Amino acid sequence: MPAAHPEEFRRRAVDLTRQPGASVMRIASDLGISESCLRRWMKLDDVDTGRADGLSTSGRAELAQLRRDKKRLETEVEILKRASAYFARENILPK
């Protein structure tokens, strides 16, 4: 997988593409990136600035964090269930 480009590089590439008369294919070639990559950056910029519908970059990051937290909490609940079952069995059985 190629190395990620810095945010400033992405922003400037999108700004160059949005100038009148600019060609996505030419700018992508000049910058050494693929045309599909530049088009994806443009789409993400449209969503982040509100020009298009979709999940913004910050919303996507928050969703990923919430999913990680949910998985961690589900694991903790499962551990607590098993521990309570273990201790309940231990208290019921004669010694």
PDB file of N, CA and C in Angstrom:
ATOM      1  N   MET A   1       0.853  -1.177   0.000  1.00  0.00           N
ATOM      2  CA  MET A   1       0.000   0.000   0.000  1.00  0.00           C
ATOM      3  C   MET A   1       0.898   1.239   0.000  1.00  0.00           C
ATOM      4  N   PRO A   2       0.616   2.204  -0.868  1.00  0.00           N
ATOM      5  CA  PRO A   2       1.458   3.400  -0.922  1.00  0.00           C
ATOM      6  C   PRO A   2       1.316   4.243   0.340  1.00  0.00           C
ATOM      7  N   ALA A   3       2.350   5.010   0.608  1.00  0.00           N
ATOM      8  CA  ALA A   3       2.346   5.874   1.792  1.00  0.00           C
ATOM      9  C   ALA A   3       1.284   6.962   1.635  1.00  0.00           C
ATOM     10  N   ALA A   4       0.678   7.319   2.735  1.00  0.00           N
ATOM     11  CA  ALA A   4      -0.357   8.364   2.729  1.00  0.00           C
ATOM     12  C   ALA A   4       0.292   9.729   2.499  1.00  0.00           C
ATOM     13  N   HIS A   5      -0.407  10.557   1.777  1.00  0.00           N
ATOM     14  CA  HIS A   5       0.080  11.914   1.541  1.00  0.00           C
ATOM     15  C   HIS A   5      -0.403  12.815   2.667  1.00  0.00           C
ATOM     16  N   PRO A   6       0.388  13.827   3.019  1.00  0.00           N
ATOM     17  CA  PRO A   6      -0.034  14.749   4.085  1.00  0.00           C
ATOM     18  C   PRO A   6      -1.323  15.488   3.712  1.00  0.00           C
ATOM     19  N   GLU A   7      -2.044  15.903   4.720  1.00  0.00           N
ATOM     20  CA  GLU A   7      -3.320  16.589   4.523  1.00  0.00           C
ATOM     21  C   GLU A   7      -3.141  17.868   3.694  1.00  0.00           C
ATOM     22  N   GLU A   8      -2.074  18.586   3.941  1.00  0.00           N
ATOM     23  CA  GLU A   8      -1.825  19.831   3.194  1.00  0.00           C
ATOM     24  C   GLU A   8      -1.646  19.550   1.704  1.00  0.00           C
ATOM     25  N   PHE A   9      -0.951  18.473   1.377  1.00  0.00           N
ATOM     26  CA  PHE A   9      -0.758  18.074  -0.020  1.00  0.00           C
ATOM     27  C   PHE A   9      -2.103  17.778  -0.674  1.00  0.00           C
ATOM     28  N   ARG A  10      -2.939  17.031   0.035  1.00  0.00           N
ATOM     29  CA  ARG A  10      -4.259  16.689  -0.487  1.00  0.00           C
ATOM     30  C   ARG A  10      -5.097  17.939  -0.728  1.00  0.00           C
ATOM     31  N   ARG A  11      -5.077  18.835   0.253  1.00  0.00           N
ATOM     32  CA  ARG A  11      -5.883  20.055   0.155  1.00  0.00           C
ATOM     33  C   ARG A  11      -5.440  20.902  -1.035  1.00  0.00           C
ATOM     34  N   ARG A  12      -4.124  21.041  -1.221  1.00  0.00           N
ATOM     35  CA  ARG A  12      -3.616  21.858  -2.324  1.00  0.00           C
ATOM     36  C   ARG A  12      -3.922  21.203  -3.672  1.00  0.00           C
ATOM     37  N   ALA A  13      -3.864  19.866  -3.729  1.00  0.00           N
ATOM     38  CA  ALA A  13      -4.184  19.166  -4.973  1.00  0.00           C
ATOM     39  C   ALA A  13      -5.642  19.394  -5.347  1.00  0.00           C
ATOM     40  N   VAL A  14      -6.532  19.328  -4.376  1.00  0.00           N
ATOM     41  CA  VAL A  14      -7.958  19.560  -4.631  1.00  0.00           C
ATOM     42  C   VAL A  14      -8.184  21.007  -5.055  1.00  0.00           C
ATOM     43  N   ASP A  15      -7.508  21.940  -4.394  1.00  0.00           N
ATOM     44  CA  ASP A  15      -7.649  23.352  -4.766  1.00  0.00           C
ATOM     45  C   ASP A  15      -7.185  23.594  -6.199  1.00  0.00           C
ATOM     46  N   LEU A  16      -6.079  22.964  -6.588  1.00  0.00           N
ATOM     47  CA  LEU A  16      -5.588  23.112  -7.964  1.00  0.00           C
ATOM     48  C   LEU A  16      -6.608  22.571  -8.964  1.00  0.00           C
ATOM     49  N   THR A  17      -7.223  21.470  -8.645  1.00  0.00           N
ATOM     50  CA  THR A  17      -8.183  20.835  -9.534  1.00  0.00           C
ATOM     51  C   THR A  17      -9.443  21.667  -9.676  1.00  0.00           C
ATOM     52  N   ARG A  18      -9.813  22.381  -8.648  1.00  0.00           N
ATOM     53  CA  ARG A  18     -11.046  23.166  -8.673  1.00  0.00           C
ATOM     54  C   ARG A  18     -10.897  24.495  -9.425  1.00  0.00           C
ATOM     55  N   GLN A  19      -9.684  24.854  -9.807  1.00  0.00           N
ATOM     56  CA  GLN A  19      -9.495  26.094 -10.555  1.00  0.00           C
ATOM     57  C   GLN A  19     -10.064  25.942 -11.960  1.00  0.00           C
ATOM     58  N   PRO A  20     -10.608  27.033 -12.524  1.00  0.00           N
ATOM     59  CA  PRO A  20     -11.201  26.958 -13.870  1.00  0.00           C
ATOM     60  C   PRO A  20     -10.171  26.485 -14.907  1.00  0.00           C
ATOM     61  N   GLY A  21     -10.600  25.580 -15.763  1.00  0.00           N
ATOM     62  CA  GLY A  21      -9.738  25.089 -16.832  1.00  0.00           C
ATOM     63  C   GLY A  21      -8.782  23.994 -16.415  1.00  0.00           C
ATOM     64  N   ALA A  22      -8.836  23.578 -15.156  1.00  0.00           N
ATOM     65  CA  ALA A  22      -7.923  22.542 -14.671  1.00  0.00           C
ATOM     66  C   ALA A  22      -8.428  21.163 -15.088  1.00  0.00           C
ATOM     67  N   SER A  23      -7.490  20.292 -15.392  1.00  0.00           N
ATOM     68  CA  SER A  23      -7.819  18.929 -15.777  1.00  0.00           C
ATOM     69  C   SER A  23      -7.369  17.980 -14.672  1.00  0.00           C
ATOM     70  N   VAL A  24      -8.287  17.139 -14.219  1.00  0.00           N
ATOM     71  CA  VAL A  24      -7.965  16.190 -13.147  1.00  0.00           C
ATOM     72  C   VAL A  24      -6.844  15.265 -13.600  1.00  0.00           C
ATOM     73  N   MET A  25      -6.922  14.813 -14.834  1.00  0.00           N
ATOM     74  CA  MET A  25      -5.925  13.885 -15.354  1.00  0.00           C
ATOM     75  C   MET A  25      -4.538  14.539 -15.388  1.00  0.00           C
ATOM     76  N   ARG A  26      -4.450  15.777 -15.853  1.00  0.00           N
ATOM     77  CA  ARG A  26      -3.157  16.462 -15.951  1.00  0.00           C
ATOM     78  C   ARG A  26      -2.571  16.746 -14.567  1.00  0.00           C
ATOM     79  N   ILE A  27      -3.407  17.229 -13.650  1.00  0.00           N
ATOM     80  CA  ILE A  27      -2.919  17.565 -12.307  1.00  0.00           C
ATOM     81  C   ILE A  27      -2.470  16.305 -11.583  1.00  0.00           C
ATOM     82  N   ALA A  28      -3.230  15.237 -11.705  1.00  0.00           N
ATOM     83  CA  ALA A  28      -2.857  13.970 -11.067  1.00  0.00           C
ATOM     84  C   ALA A  28      -1.521  13.486 -11.614  1.00  0.00           C
ATOM     85  N   SER A  29      -1.339  13.600 -12.915  1.00  0.00           N
ATOM     86  CA  SER A  29      -0.080  13.184 -13.540  1.00  0.00           C
ATOM     87  C   SER A  29       1.078  14.047 -13.052  1.00  0.00           C
ATOM     88  N   ASP A  30       0.864  15.361 -12.992  1.00  0.00           N
ATOM     89  CA  ASP A  30       1.911  16.285 -12.524  1.00  0.00           C
ATOM     90  C   ASP A  30       2.310  16.012 -11.078  1.00  0.00           C
ATOM     91  N   LEU A  31       1.352  15.637 -10.261  1.00  0.00           N
ATOM     92  CA  LEU A  31       1.627  15.403  -8.838  1.00  0.00           C
ATOM     93  C   LEU A  31       2.107  13.977  -8.551  1.00  0.00           C
ATOM     94  N   GLY A  32       2.011  13.102  -9.532  1.00  0.00           N
ATOM     95  CA  GLY A  32       2.474  11.729  -9.352  1.00  0.00           C
ATOM     96  C   GLY A  32       1.499  10.857  -8.575  1.00  0.00           C
ATOM     97  N   ILE A  33       0.219  11.166  -8.700  1.00  0.00           N
ATOM     98  CA  ILE A  33      -0.812  10.359  -8.042  1.00  0.00           C
ATOM     99  C   ILE A  33      -1.784   9.870  -9.105  1.00  0.00           C
ATOM    100  N   SER A  34      -2.610   8.907  -8.764  1.00  0.00           N
ATOM    101  CA  SER A  34      -3.572   8.398  -9.739  1.00  0.00           C
ATOM    102  C   SER A  34      -4.767   9.342  -9.830  1.00  0.00           C
ATOM    103  N   GLU A  35      -5.404   9.288 -10.971  1.00  0.00           N
ATOM    104  CA  GLU A  35      -6.579  10.118 -11.199  1.00  0.00           C
ATOM    105  C   GLU A  35      -7.713   9.739 -10.246  1.00  0.00           C
ATOM    106  N   SER A  36      -7.864   8.439  -9.993  1.00  0.00           N
ATOM    107  CA  SER A  36      -8.931   7.989  -9.088  1.00  0.00           C
ATOM    108  C   SER A  36      -8.679   8.471  -7.657  1.00  0.00           C
ATOM    109  N   CYS A  37      -7.418   8.540  -7.274  1.00  0.00           N
ATOM    110  CA  CYS A  37      -7.065   9.028  -5.935  1.00  0.00           C
ATOM    111  C   CYS A  37      -7.469  10.502  -5.799  1.00  0.00           C
ATOM    112  N   LEU A  38      -7.137  11.295  -6.812  1.00  0.00           N
ATOM    113  CA  LEU A  38      -7.473  12.715  -6.779  1.00  0.00           C
ATOM    114  C   LEU A  38      -8.989  12.910  -6.796  1.00  0.00           C
ATOM    115  N   ARG A  39      -9.696  12.113  -7.575  1.00  0.00           N
ATOM    116  CA  ARG A  39     -11.166  12.219  -7.600  1.00  0.00           C
ATOM    117  C   ARG A  39     -11.767  11.844  -6.237  1.00  0.00           C
ATOM    118  N   ARG A  40     -11.172  10.867  -5.575  1.00  0.00           N
ATOM    119  CA  ARG A  40     -11.640  10.480  -4.234  1.00  0.00           C
ATOM    120  C   ARG A  40     -11.429  11.622  -3.248  1.00  0.00           C
ATOM    121  N   TRP A  41     -10.263  12.259  -3.322  1.00  0.00           N
ATOM    122  CA  TRP A  41      -9.995  13.400  -2.442  1.00  0.00           C
ATOM    123  C   TRP A  41     -10.998  14.515  -2.696  1.00  0.00           C
ATOM    124  N   MET A  42     -11.337  14.734  -3.958  1.00  0.00           N
ATOM    125  CA  MET A  42     -12.317  15.771  -4.286  1.00  0.00           C
ATOM    126  C   MET A  42     -13.684  15.424  -3.706  1.00  0.00           C
ATOM    127  N   LYS A  43     -14.059  14.145  -3.799  1.00  0.00           N
ATOM    128  CA  LYS A  43     -15.348  13.715  -3.255  1.00  0.00           C
ATOM    129  C   LYS A  43     -15.376  13.896  -1.735  1.00  0.00           C
ATOM    130  N   LEU A  44     -14.292  13.515  -1.061  1.00  0.00           N
ATOM    131  CA  LEU A  44     -14.214  13.694   0.391  1.00  0.00           C
ATOM    132  C   LEU A  44     -14.290  15.170   0.768  1.00  0.00           C
ATOM    133  N   ASP A  45     -13.643  16.014  -0.025  1.00  0.00           N
ATOM    134  CA  ASP A  45     -13.685  17.453   0.237  1.00  0.00           C
ATOM    135  C   ASP A  45     -15.100  17.989   0.059  1.00  0.00           C
ATOM    136  N   ASP A  46     -15.804  17.495  -0.958  1.00  0.00           N
ATOM    137  CA  ASP A  46     -17.197  17.922  -1.167  1.00  0.00           C
ATOM    138  C   ASP A  46     -18.059  17.562   0.035  1.00  0.00           C
ATOM    139  N   VAL A  47     -17.876  16.377   0.571  1.00  0.00           N
ATOM    140  CA  VAL A  47     -18.661  15.946   1.733  1.00  0.00           C
ATOM    141  C   VAL A  47     -18.288  16.769   2.965  1.00  0.00           C
ATOM    142  N   ASP A  48     -16.978  16.974   3.176  1.00  0.00           N
ATOM    143  CA  ASP A  48     -16.537  17.721   4.353  1.00  0.00           C
ATOM    144  C   ASP A  48     -16.976  19.177   4.339  1.00  0.00           C
ATOM    145  N   THR A  49     -17.062  19.764   3.148  1.00  0.00           N
ATOM    146  CA  THR A  49     -17.467  21.168   3.060  1.00  0.00           C
ATOM    147  C   THR A  49     -18.971  21.343   2.924  1.00  0.00           C
ATOM    148  N   GLY A  50     -19.704  20.235   2.819  1.00  0.00           N
ATOM    149  CA  GLY A  50     -21.157  20.312   2.757  1.00  0.00           C
ATOM    150  C   GLY A  50     -21.715  20.444   1.362  1.00  0.00           C
ATOM    151  N   ARG A  51     -20.882  20.329   0.321  1.00  0.00           N
ATOM    152  CA  ARG A  51     -21.369  20.410  -1.051  1.00  0.00           C
ATOM    153  C   ARG A  51     -22.056  19.131  -1.499  1.00  0.00           C
ATOM    154  N   ALA A  52     -21.779  18.027  -0.787  1.00  0.00           N
ATOM    155  CA  ALA A  52     -22.388  16.745  -1.128  1.00  0.00           C
ATOM    156  C   ALA A  52     -22.813  16.041   0.157  1.00  0.00           C
ATOM    157  N   ASP A  53     -23.799  15.162   0.021  1.00  0.00           N
ATOM    158  CA  ASP A  53     -24.259  14.396   1.178  1.00  0.00           C
ATOM    159  C   ASP A  53     -23.296  13.254   1.455  1.00  0.00           C
ATOM    160  N   GLY A  54     -23.195  12.892   2.721  1.00  0.00           N
ATOM    161  CA  GLY A  54     -22.349  11.764   3.098  1.00  0.00           C
ATOM    162  C   GLY A  54     -21.798  11.951   4.490  1.00  0.00           C
ATOM    163  N   LEU A  55     -20.985  11.005   4.899  1.00  0.00           N
ATOM    164  CA  LEU A  55     -20.376  11.016   6.220  1.00  0.00           C
ATOM    165  C   LEU A  55     -19.039  11.736   6.149  1.00  0.00           C
ATOM    166  N   SER A  56     -18.890  12.817   6.907  1.00  0.00           N
ATOM    167  CA  SER A  56     -17.664  13.603   6.869  1.00  0.00           C
ATOM    168  C   SER A  56     -16.501  12.831   7.484  1.00  0.00           C
ATOM    169  N   THR A  57     -15.310  13.353   7.281  1.00  0.00           N
ATOM    170  CA  THR A  57     -14.104  12.711   7.798  1.00  0.00           C
ATOM    171  C   THR A  57     -14.154  12.604   9.315  1.00  0.00           C
ATOM    172  N   SER A  58     -14.577  13.668   9.979  1.00  0.00           N
ATOM    173  CA  SER A  58     -14.658  13.634  11.436  1.00  0.00           C
ATOM    174  C   SER A  58     -15.756  12.676  11.894  1.00  0.00           C
ATOM    175  N   GLY A  59     -16.857  12.639  11.167  1.00  0.00           N
ATOM    176  CA  GLY A  59     -17.937  11.708  11.492  1.00  0.00           C
ATOM    177  C   GLY A  59     -17.508  10.270  11.315  1.00  0.00           C
ATOM    178  N   ARG A  60     -16.713  10.020  10.268  1.00  0.00           N
ATOM    179  CA  ARG A  60     -16.208   8.668  10.019  1.00  0.00           C
ATOM    180  C   ARG A  60     -15.252   8.243  11.133  1.00  0.00           C
ATOM    181  N   ALA A  61     -14.396   9.158  11.578  1.00  0.00           N
ATOM    182  CA  ALA A  61     -13.460   8.854  12.666  1.00  0.00           C
ATOM    183  C   ALA A  61     -14.213   8.592  13.970  1.00  0.00           C
ATOM    184  N   GLU A  62     -15.246   9.390  14.235  1.00  0.00           N
ATOM    185  CA  GLU A  62     -16.046   9.194  15.439  1.00  0.00           C
ATOM    186  C   GLU A  62     -16.773   7.851  15.402  1.00  0.00           C
ATOM    187  N   LEU A  63     -17.302   7.490  14.249  1.00  0.00           N
ATOM    188  CA  LEU A  63     -17.993   6.215  14.098  1.00  0.00           C
ATOM    189  C   LEU A  63     -17.035   5.043  14.340  1.00  0.00           C
ATOM    190  N   ALA A  64     -15.823   5.150  13.819  1.00  0.00           N
ATOM    191  CA  ALA A  64     -14.835   4.087  14.030  1.00  0.00           C
ATOM    192  C   ALA A  64     -14.486   3.962  15.515  1.00  0.00           C
ATOM    193  N   GLN A  65     -14.329   5.104  16.199  1.00  0.00           N
ATOM    194  CA  GLN A  65     -14.029   5.088  17.630  1.00  0.00           C
ATOM    195  C   GLN A  65     -15.188   4.473  18.418  1.00  0.00           C
ATOM    196  N   LEU A  66     -16.406   4.818  18.070  1.00  0.00           N
ATOM    197  CA  LEU A  66     -17.575   4.262  18.757  1.00  0.00           C
ATOM    198  C   LEU A  66     -17.677   2.750  18.549  1.00  0.00           C
ATOM    199  N   ARG A  67     -17.347   2.289  17.361  1.00  0.00           N
ATOM    200  CA  ARG A  67     -17.374   0.848  17.103  1.00  0.00           C
ATOM    201  C   ARG A  67     -16.315   0.119  17.922  1.00  0.00           C
ATOM    202  N   ARG A  68     -15.121   0.715  18.052  1.00  0.00           N
ATOM    203  CA  ARG A  68     -14.071   0.110  18.893  1.00  0.00           C
ATOM    204  C   ARG A  68     -14.511   0.053  20.348  1.00  0.00           C
ATOM    205  N   ASP A  69     -15.107   1.156  20.828  1.00  0.00           N
ATOM    206  CA  ASP A  69     -15.583   1.194  22.216  1.00  0.00           C
ATOM    207  C   ASP A  69     -16.677   0.152  22.449  1.00  0.00           C
ATOM    208  N   LYS A  70     -17.584   0.007  21.493  1.00  0.00           N
ATOM    209  CA  LYS A  70     -18.662  -0.971  21.621  1.00  0.00           C
ATOM    210  C   LYS A  70     -18.100  -2.381  21.719  1.00  0.00           C
ATOM    211  N   LYS A  71     -17.148  -2.700  20.882  1.00  0.00           N
ATOM    212  CA  LYS A  71     -16.542  -4.037  20.910  1.00  0.00           C
ATOM    213  C   LYS A  71     -15.851  -4.295  22.249  1.00  0.00           C
ATOM    214  N   ARG A  72     -15.134  -3.282  22.758  1.00  0.00           N
ATOM    215  CA  ARG A  72     -14.449  -3.422  24.044  1.00  0.00           C
ATOM    216  C   ARG A  72     -15.457  -3.637  25.169  1.00  0.00           C
ATOM    217  N   LEU A  73     -16.538  -2.870  25.157  1.00  0.00           N
ATOM    218  CA  LEU A  73     -17.558  -3.000  26.199  1.00  0.00           C
ATOM    219  C   LEU A  73     -18.269  -4.346  26.131  1.00  0.00           C
ATOM    220  N   GLU A  74     -18.531  -4.829  24.924  1.00  0.00           N
ATOM    221  CA  GLU A  74     -19.150  -6.147  24.792  1.00  0.00           C
ATOM    222  C   GLU A  74     -18.239  -7.239  25.355  1.00  0.00           C
ATOM    223  N   THR A  75     -16.939  -7.099  25.126  1.00  0.00           N
ATOM    224  CA  THR A  75     -15.977  -8.061  25.675  1.00  0.00           C
ATOM    225  C   THR A  75     -15.972  -8.007  27.199  1.00  0.00           C
ATOM    226  N   GLU A  76     -16.004  -6.803  27.745  1.00  0.00           N
ATOM    227  CA  GLU A  76     -16.027  -6.653  29.200  1.00  0.00           C
ATOM    228  C   GLU A  76     -17.292  -7.267  29.804  1.00  0.00           C
ATOM    229  N   VAL A  77     -18.426  -7.063  29.162  1.00  0.00           N
ATOM    230  CA  VAL A  77     -19.676  -7.629  29.660  1.00  0.00           C
ATOM    231  C   VAL A  77     -19.601  -9.151  29.641  1.00  0.00           C
ATOM    232  N   GLU A  78     -19.056  -9.724  28.586  1.00  0.00           N
ATOM    233  CA  GLU A  78     -18.925 -11.177  28.495  1.00  0.00           C
ATOM    234  C   GLU A  78     -18.025 -11.714  29.613  1.00  0.00           C
ATOM    235  N   ILE A  79     -16.941 -11.020  29.887  1.00  0.00           N
ATOM    236  CA  ILE A  79     -16.047 -11.438  30.981  1.00  0.00           C
ATOM    237  C   ILE A  79     -16.768 -11.382  32.315  1.00  0.00           C
ATOM    238  N   LEU A  80     -17.523 -10.321  32.550  1.00  0.00           N
ATOM    239  CA  LEU A  80     -18.261 -10.191  33.808  1.00  0.00           C
ATOM    240  C   LEU A  80     -19.344 -11.259  33.942  1.00  0.00           C
ATOM    241  N   LYS A  81     -20.006 -11.605  32.852  1.00  0.00           N
ATOM    242  CA  LYS A  81     -21.011 -12.671  32.889  1.00  0.00           C
ATOM    243  C   LYS A  81     -20.371 -13.995  33.290  1.00  0.00           C
ATOM    244  N   ARG A  82     -19.235 -14.289  32.688  1.00  0.00           N
ATOM    245  CA  ARG A  82     -18.561 -15.549  33.000  1.00  0.00           C
ATOM    246  C   ARG A  82     -18.060 -15.571  34.444  1.00  0.00           C
ATOM    247  N   ALA A  83     -17.563 -14.431  34.914  1.00  0.00           N
ATOM    248  CA  ALA A  83     -17.073 -14.359  36.286  1.00  0.00           C
ATOM    249  C   ALA A  83     -18.230 -14.522  37.278  1.00  0.00           C
ATOM    250  N   SER A  84     -19.349 -13.876  36.999  1.00  0.00           N
ATOM    251  CA  SER A  84     -20.483 -13.993  37.926  1.00  0.00           C
ATOM    252  C   SER A  84     -21.028 -15.420  37.921  1.00  0.00           C
ATOM    253  N   ALA A  85     -21.053 -16.088  36.782  1.00  0.00           N
ATOM    254  CA  ALA A  85     -21.497 -17.477  36.728  1.00  0.00           C
ATOM    255  C   ALA A  85     -20.544 -18.376  37.516  1.00  0.00           C
ATOM    256  N   TYR A  86     -19.265 -18.118  37.391  1.00  0.00           N
ATOM    257  CA  TYR A  86     -18.269 -18.905  38.118  1.00  0.00           C
ATOM    258  C   TYR A  86     -18.451 -18.746  39.626  1.00  0.00           C
ATOM    259  N   PHE A  87     -18.580 -17.513  40.097  1.00  0.00           N
ATOM    260  CA  PHE A  87     -18.721 -17.277  41.533  1.00  0.00           C
ATOM    261  C   PHE A  87     -20.079 -17.755  42.050  1.00  0.00           C
ATOM    262  N   ALA A  88     -21.115 -17.692  41.230  1.00  0.00           N
ATOM    263  CA  ALA A  88     -22.428 -18.196  41.633  1.00  0.00           C
ATOM    264  C   ALA A  88     -22.357 -19.709  41.823  1.00  0.00           C
ATOM    265  N   ARG A  89     -21.703 -20.420  40.927  1.00  0.00           N
ATOM    266  CA  ARG A  89     -21.535 -21.866  41.056  1.00  0.00           C
ATOM    267  C   ARG A  89     -20.725 -22.213  42.301  1.00  0.00           C
ATOM    268  N   GLU A  90     -19.702 -21.434  42.564  1.00  0.00           N
ATOM    269  CA  GLU A  90     -18.831 -21.694  43.709  1.00  0.00           C
ATOM    270  C   GLU A  90     -19.585 -21.543  45.024  1.00  0.00           C
ATOM    271  N   ASN A  91     -20.528 -20.607  45.106  1.00  0.00           N
ATOM    272  CA  ASN A  91     -21.286 -20.370  46.330  1.00  0.00           C
ATOM    273  C   ASN A  91     -22.402 -21.386  46.531  1.00  0.00           C
ATOM    274  N   ILE A  92     -22.876 -22.024  45.483  1.00  0.00           N
ATOM    275  CA  ILE A  92     -23.988 -22.977  45.584  1.00  0.00           C
ATOM    276  C   ILE A  92     -23.505 -24.371  45.966  1.00  0.00           C
ATOM    277  N   LEU A  93     -22.405 -24.786  45.407  1.00  0.00           N
ATOM    278  CA  LEU A  93     -21.908 -26.135  45.641  1.00  0.00           C
ATOM    279  C   LEU A  93     -21.445 -26.319  47.099  1.00  0.00           C
ATOM    280  N   PRO A  94     -21.714 -27.495  47.703  1.00  0.00           N
ATOM    281  CA  PRO A  94     -21.235 -27.729  49.070  1.00  0.00           C
ATOM    282  C   PRO A  94     -19.711 -27.848  49.069  1.00  0.00           C
ATOM    283  N   LYS A  95     -19.134 -27.442  50.205  1.00  0.00           N
ATOM    284  CA  LYS A  95     -17.672 -27.465  50.286  1.00  0.00           C
ATOM    285  C   LYS A  95     -17.158 -28.726  50.932  1.00  0.00           C
TER     286      LYS A  95
END
